[in-house]
Amino acid sequence: MTDIRHAHATATRPDITLSIDKVRGVLEALRFGSITLTVHDGRVVQIDVTEKTRLQA
């Protein structure tokens, strides 16, 4: 099911499509951790990734 808000946003804002593609790439590579998006004036300007490494004791 397509979210109409998402479809409309990506049709009119190519920067959103690029941001989603970047986040998707980070998510595919990340096993444990977090992603923080920084938004200025309605645009993603920074993606911070914190990766956790799980050690076996």
C-alpha atoms as a PDB file:
ATOM      1  CA  MET A   1       0.000   0.000   0.000  1.00  0.00           C
ATOM      2  CA  THR A   2       1.450   3.360  -1.037  1.00  0.00           C
ATOM      3  CA  ASP A   3       1.297   6.268   1.381  1.00  0.00           C
ATOM      4  CA  ILE A   4      -0.232   9.136  -0.603  1.00  0.00           C
ATOM      5  CA  ARG A   5       1.723  11.739   1.386  1.00  0.00           C
ATOM      6  CA  HIS A   6       4.989   9.965   0.514  1.00  0.00           C
ATOM      7  CA  ALA A   7       4.065   9.597  -3.159  1.00  0.00           C
ATOM      8  CA  HIS A   8       3.181  13.296  -3.398  1.00  0.00           C
ATOM      9  CA  ALA A   9       6.335  14.416  -1.571  1.00  0.00           C
ATOM     10  CA  THR A  10       8.684  12.367  -3.737  1.00  0.00           C
ATOM     11  CA  ALA A  11       6.921  13.507  -6.921  1.00  0.00           C
ATOM     12  CA  THR A  12       7.523  17.165  -6.092  1.00  0.00           C
ATOM     13  CA  ARG A  13      10.723  16.965  -4.006  1.00  0.00           C
ATOM     14  CA  PRO A  14      13.644  15.039  -5.555  1.00  0.00           C
ATOM     15  CA  ASP A  15      15.732  15.852  -2.453  1.00  0.00           C
ATOM     16  CA  ILE A  16      13.362  13.667  -0.416  1.00  0.00           C
ATOM     17  CA  THR A  17      13.908  10.751  -2.796  1.00  0.00           C
ATOM     18  CA  LEU A  18      17.676  11.173  -2.425  1.00  0.00           C
ATOM     19  CA  SER A  19      17.409  11.335   1.386  1.00  0.00           C
ATOM     20  CA  ILE A  20      15.269   8.194   1.502  1.00  0.00           C
ATOM     21  CA  ASP A  21      17.750   6.365  -0.723  1.00  0.00           C
ATOM     22  CA  LYS A  22      20.644   7.376   1.564  1.00  0.00           C
ATOM     23  CA  VAL A  23      18.787   6.272   4.703  1.00  0.00           C
ATOM     24  CA  ARG A  24      17.830   2.990   3.020  1.00  0.00           C
ATOM     25  CA  GLY A  25      21.514   2.318   2.245  1.00  0.00           C
ATOM     26  CA  VAL A  26      22.519   3.001   5.851  1.00  0.00           C
ATOM     27  CA  LEU A  27      19.731   0.747   7.155  1.00  0.00           C
ATOM     28  CA  GLU A  28      20.795  -2.104   4.890  1.00  0.00           C
ATOM     29  CA  ALA A  29      24.351  -1.934   6.257  1.00  0.00           C
ATOM     30  CA  LEU A  30      23.482  -1.360   9.930  1.00  0.00           C
ATOM     31  CA  ARG A  31      22.982  -4.318  12.234  1.00  0.00           C
ATOM     32  CA  PHE A  32      22.814  -2.637  15.673  1.00  0.00           C
ATOM     33  CA  GLY A  33      22.711   1.092  16.268  1.00  0.00           C
ATOM     34  CA  SER A  34      20.801   4.246  15.541  1.00  0.00           C
ATOM     35  CA  ILE A  35      20.302   6.798  12.800  1.00  0.00           C
ATOM     36  CA  THR A  36      19.653  10.482  13.470  1.00  0.00           C
ATOM     37  CA  LEU A  37      18.459  12.832  10.740  1.00  0.00           C
ATOM     38  CA  THR A  38      19.078  16.571  10.992  1.00  0.00           C
ATOM     39  CA  VAL A  39      16.558  18.662   9.090  1.00  0.00           C
ATOM     40  CA  HIS A  40      16.875  22.379   8.231  1.00  0.00           C
ATOM     41  CA  ASP A  41      14.207  24.247   6.282  1.00  0.00           C
ATOM     42  CA  GLY A  42      12.401  20.994   5.474  1.00  0.00           C
ATOM     43  CA  ARG A  43      15.482  19.291   4.004  1.00  0.00           C
ATOM     44  CA  VAL A  44      17.674  16.545   5.436  1.00  0.00           C
ATOM     45  CA  VAL A  45      21.114  18.102   5.795  1.00  0.00           C
ATOM     46  CA  GLN A  46      22.867  15.472   7.890  1.00  0.00           C
ATOM     47  CA  ILE A  47      22.650  11.756   8.628  1.00  0.00           C
ATOM     48  CA  ASP A  48      24.417  10.570  11.789  1.00  0.00           C
ATOM     49  CA  VAL A  49      24.946   6.844  12.252  1.00  0.00           C
ATOM     50  CA  THR A  50      25.930   5.299  15.579  1.00  0.00           C
ATOM     51  CA  GLU A  51      26.860   1.653  15.207  1.00  0.00           C
ATOM     52  CA  LYS A  52      26.956  -0.652  18.207  1.00  0.00           C
ATOM     53  CA  THR A  53      29.343  -3.576  18.343  1.00  0.00           C
ATOM     54  CA  ARG A  54      28.166  -6.511  20.437  1.00  0.00           C
ATOM     55  CA  LEU A  55      31.018  -8.390  22.117  1.00  0.00           C
ATOM     56  CA  GLN A  56      30.711 -11.910  23.447  1.00  0.00           C
ATOM     57  CA  ALA A  57      31.984 -12.153  27.044  1.00  0.00           C
END
